[in-house]
Amino acid sequence: MTVPLIDAARAAQQRAARAALAVGPAHPLARLLLAAAALAATAAWDAGHRVTDIHPARRHHRERRVRA
């Protein structure tokens, strides 16, 4: 189960990333969305959530084998 702050932070980050890819990170819209994503992540952090709550580890990272 997710929390609304986590959902908002994830959605804001995804919108910002898509805008940055589409128009470039220096575009005013992309910069605005990146700032909104930062504010959403800060609100989640201030509420006591960890970064891993917003960005959980991917499955293939957890199953990586250690090389000898």
N, C-alpha and C. Protein backbone atom coordinates (compact mmCIF):
# COMPACT_ATOMS: atom_id res chain seq x y z
N MET A 1 0.84 -1.18 0.00
CA MET A 1 0.00 0.00 0.00
C MET A 1 0.89 1.24 0.00
N THR A 2 0.55 2.17 -0.84
CA THR A 2 1.35 3.39 -0.91
C THR A 2 0.61 4.53 -0.23
N VAL A 3 1.34 5.56 0.03
CA VAL A 3 0.83 6.75 0.71
C VAL A 3 0.67 7.85 -0.33
N PRO A 4 -0.32 8.73 -0.18
CA PRO A 4 -0.51 9.78 -1.18
C PRO A 4 0.72 10.64 -1.45
N LEU A 5 1.52 10.94 -0.42
CA LEU A 5 2.73 11.73 -0.66
C LEU A 5 3.73 10.98 -1.54
N ILE A 6 3.83 9.69 -1.35
CA ILE A 6 4.74 8.88 -2.17
C ILE A 6 4.23 8.84 -3.61
N ASP A 7 2.93 8.63 -3.77
CA ASP A 7 2.35 8.62 -5.12
C ASP A 7 2.56 9.95 -5.82
N ALA A 8 2.37 11.04 -5.10
CA ALA A 8 2.55 12.37 -5.69
C ALA A 8 4.00 12.60 -6.09
N ALA A 9 4.94 12.18 -5.26
CA ALA A 9 6.35 12.36 -5.56
C ALA A 9 6.76 11.53 -6.78
N ARG A 10 6.27 10.30 -6.86
CA ARG A 10 6.57 9.45 -8.03
C ARG A 10 6.01 10.06 -9.30
N ALA A 11 4.76 10.50 -9.24
CA ALA A 11 4.12 11.07 -10.43
C ALA A 11 4.84 12.35 -10.88
N ALA A 12 5.19 13.19 -9.93
CA ALA A 12 5.90 14.43 -10.27
C ALA A 12 7.25 14.14 -10.89
N GLN A 13 7.95 13.16 -10.36
CA GLN A 13 9.27 12.80 -10.90
C GLN A 13 9.12 12.26 -12.32
N GLN A 14 8.11 11.44 -12.56
CA GLN A 14 7.92 10.88 -13.90
C GLN A 14 7.55 11.97 -14.90
N ARG A 15 6.68 12.90 -14.50
CA ARG A 15 6.32 14.01 -15.41
C ARG A 15 7.54 14.87 -15.73
N ALA A 16 8.35 15.14 -14.72
CA ALA A 16 9.55 15.97 -14.94
C ALA A 16 10.54 15.25 -15.85
N ALA A 17 10.72 13.98 -15.64
CA ALA A 17 11.66 13.22 -16.47
C ALA A 17 11.19 13.18 -17.93
N ARG A 18 9.90 12.97 -18.13
CA ARG A 18 9.36 12.94 -19.50
C ARG A 18 9.51 14.30 -20.18
N ALA A 19 9.24 15.36 -19.44
CA ALA A 19 9.39 16.70 -20.02
C ALA A 19 10.84 16.99 -20.35
N ALA A 20 11.75 16.62 -19.46
CA ALA A 20 13.17 16.86 -19.71
C ALA A 20 13.66 16.09 -20.93
N LEU A 21 13.15 14.89 -21.13
CA LEU A 21 13.53 14.12 -22.31
C LEU A 21 12.92 14.70 -23.58
N ALA A 22 11.72 15.22 -23.48
CA ALA A 22 11.02 15.72 -24.66
C ALA A 22 11.54 17.08 -25.12
N VAL A 23 11.77 17.99 -24.17
CA VAL A 23 12.13 19.36 -24.57
C VAL A 23 13.50 19.79 -24.09
N GLY A 24 14.16 18.95 -23.29
CA GLY A 24 15.47 19.28 -22.76
C GLY A 24 15.36 19.82 -21.34
N PRO A 25 16.37 19.56 -20.55
CA PRO A 25 16.30 19.97 -19.14
C PRO A 25 16.38 21.47 -18.91
N ALA A 26 16.81 22.25 -19.89
CA ALA A 26 16.92 23.69 -19.72
C ALA A 26 15.62 24.42 -20.10
N HIS A 27 14.67 23.70 -20.67
CA HIS A 27 13.40 24.32 -21.07
C HIS A 27 12.64 24.77 -19.82
N PRO A 28 11.99 25.93 -19.86
CA PRO A 28 11.28 26.45 -18.68
C PRO A 28 10.24 25.47 -18.12
N LEU A 29 9.52 24.77 -18.98
CA LEU A 29 8.53 23.81 -18.49
C LEU A 29 9.20 22.66 -17.75
N ALA A 30 10.28 22.14 -18.31
CA ALA A 30 11.00 21.05 -17.66
C ALA A 30 11.56 21.51 -16.32
N ARG A 31 12.09 22.71 -16.27
CA ARG A 31 12.63 23.24 -15.01
C ARG A 31 11.53 23.40 -13.96
N LEU A 32 10.37 23.85 -14.38
CA LEU A 32 9.25 24.00 -13.48
C LEU A 32 8.81 22.64 -12.93
N LEU A 33 8.72 21.65 -13.80
CA LEU A 33 8.32 20.31 -13.36
C LEU A 33 9.38 19.66 -12.48
N LEU A 34 10.65 19.93 -12.77
CA LEU A 34 11.72 19.41 -11.90
C LEU A 34 11.63 20.04 -10.51
N ALA A 35 11.32 21.32 -10.45
CA ALA A 35 11.16 21.98 -9.15
C ALA A 35 9.96 21.41 -8.40
N ALA A 36 8.87 21.16 -9.11
CA ALA A 36 7.69 20.57 -8.47
C ALA A 36 7.99 19.17 -7.95
N ALA A 37 8.78 18.41 -8.69
CA ALA A 37 9.16 17.07 -8.25
C ALA A 37 10.02 17.15 -7.00
N ALA A 38 10.92 18.12 -6.96
CA ALA A 38 11.76 18.29 -5.78
C ALA A 38 10.92 18.66 -4.56
N LEU A 39 9.93 19.51 -4.74
CA LEU A 39 9.05 19.89 -3.63
C LEU A 39 8.22 18.70 -3.15
N ALA A 40 7.73 17.89 -4.07
CA ALA A 40 6.95 16.71 -3.70
C ALA A 40 7.82 15.70 -2.95
N ALA A 41 9.05 15.52 -3.40
CA ALA A 41 9.97 14.61 -2.70
C ALA A 41 10.33 15.14 -1.32
N THR A 42 10.50 16.45 -1.22
CA THR A 42 10.80 17.05 0.08
C THR A 42 9.64 16.89 1.05
N ALA A 43 8.42 17.03 0.57
CA ALA A 43 7.25 16.85 1.43
C ALA A 43 7.18 15.41 1.94
N ALA A 44 7.47 14.46 1.07
CA ALA A 44 7.47 13.05 1.49
C ALA A 44 8.58 12.80 2.50
N TRP A 45 9.75 13.36 2.26
CA TRP A 45 10.89 13.20 3.18
C TRP A 45 10.55 13.80 4.54
N ASP A 46 9.99 15.01 4.53
CA ASP A 46 9.63 15.67 5.79
C ASP A 46 8.55 14.91 6.56
N ALA A 47 7.74 14.16 5.85
CA ALA A 47 6.71 13.36 6.50
C ALA A 47 7.26 12.05 7.07
N GLY A 48 8.56 11.80 6.85
CA GLY A 48 9.19 10.62 7.42
C GLY A 48 9.43 9.47 6.46
N HIS A 49 9.16 9.68 5.19
CA HIS A 49 9.39 8.61 4.22
C HIS A 49 10.85 8.62 3.78
N ARG A 50 11.35 7.45 3.42
CA ARG A 50 12.73 7.34 2.95
C ARG A 50 12.75 7.45 1.44
N VAL A 51 13.94 7.68 0.91
CA VAL A 51 14.10 7.76 -0.55
C VAL A 51 13.69 6.44 -1.20
N THR A 52 13.97 5.34 -0.54
CA THR A 52 13.62 4.03 -1.11
C THR A 52 12.12 3.82 -1.16
N ASP A 53 11.35 4.60 -0.40
CA ASP A 53 9.89 4.53 -0.51
C ASP A 53 9.43 5.14 -1.83
N ILE A 54 10.13 6.18 -2.26
CA ILE A 54 9.77 6.85 -3.52
C ILE A 54 10.35 6.09 -4.71
N HIS A 55 11.59 5.62 -4.57
CA HIS A 55 12.28 4.91 -5.64
C HIS A 55 12.71 3.54 -5.14
N PRO A 56 11.81 2.55 -5.16
CA PRO A 56 12.20 1.22 -4.68
C PRO A 56 13.24 0.59 -5.61
N ALA A 57 14.05 -0.30 -5.05
CA ALA A 57 15.07 -0.98 -5.84
C ALA A 57 14.40 -1.84 -6.90
N ARG A 58 15.01 -1.89 -8.04
CA ARG A 58 14.49 -2.75 -9.10
C ARG A 58 14.86 -4.20 -8.83
N ARG A 59 14.06 -5.09 -9.33
CA ARG A 59 14.25 -6.51 -9.05
C ARG A 59 15.61 -7.01 -9.48
N HIS A 60 16.07 -6.61 -10.66
CA HIS A 60 17.34 -7.13 -11.15
C HIS A 60 18.52 -6.61 -10.32
N HIS A 61 18.36 -5.50 -9.63
CA HIS A 61 19.43 -5.00 -8.76
C HIS A 61 19.53 -5.84 -7.50
N ARG A 62 18.39 -6.32 -7.00
CA ARG A 62 18.39 -7.12 -5.79
C ARG A 62 18.92 -8.52 -6.04
N GLU A 63 18.76 -9.01 -7.28
CA GLU A 63 19.15 -10.38 -7.59
C GLU A 63 20.54 -10.48 -8.21
N ARG A 64 21.25 -9.39 -8.25
CA ARG A 64 22.58 -9.38 -8.87
C ARG A 64 23.52 -10.31 -8.11
N ARG A 65 24.24 -11.12 -8.84
CA ARG A 65 25.20 -12.04 -8.24
C ARG A 65 26.52 -11.36 -8.01
N VAL A 66 27.19 -11.76 -6.96
CA VAL A 66 28.51 -11.19 -6.67
C VAL A 66 29.53 -11.95 -7.50
N ARG A 67 30.38 -11.18 -8.17
CA ARG A 67 31.43 -11.82 -8.99
C ARG A 67 32.60 -12.23 -8.10
N ALA A 68 33.19 -13.36 -8.45
CA ALA A 68 34.33 -13.85 -7.66
C ALA A 68 35.62 -13.20 -8.11
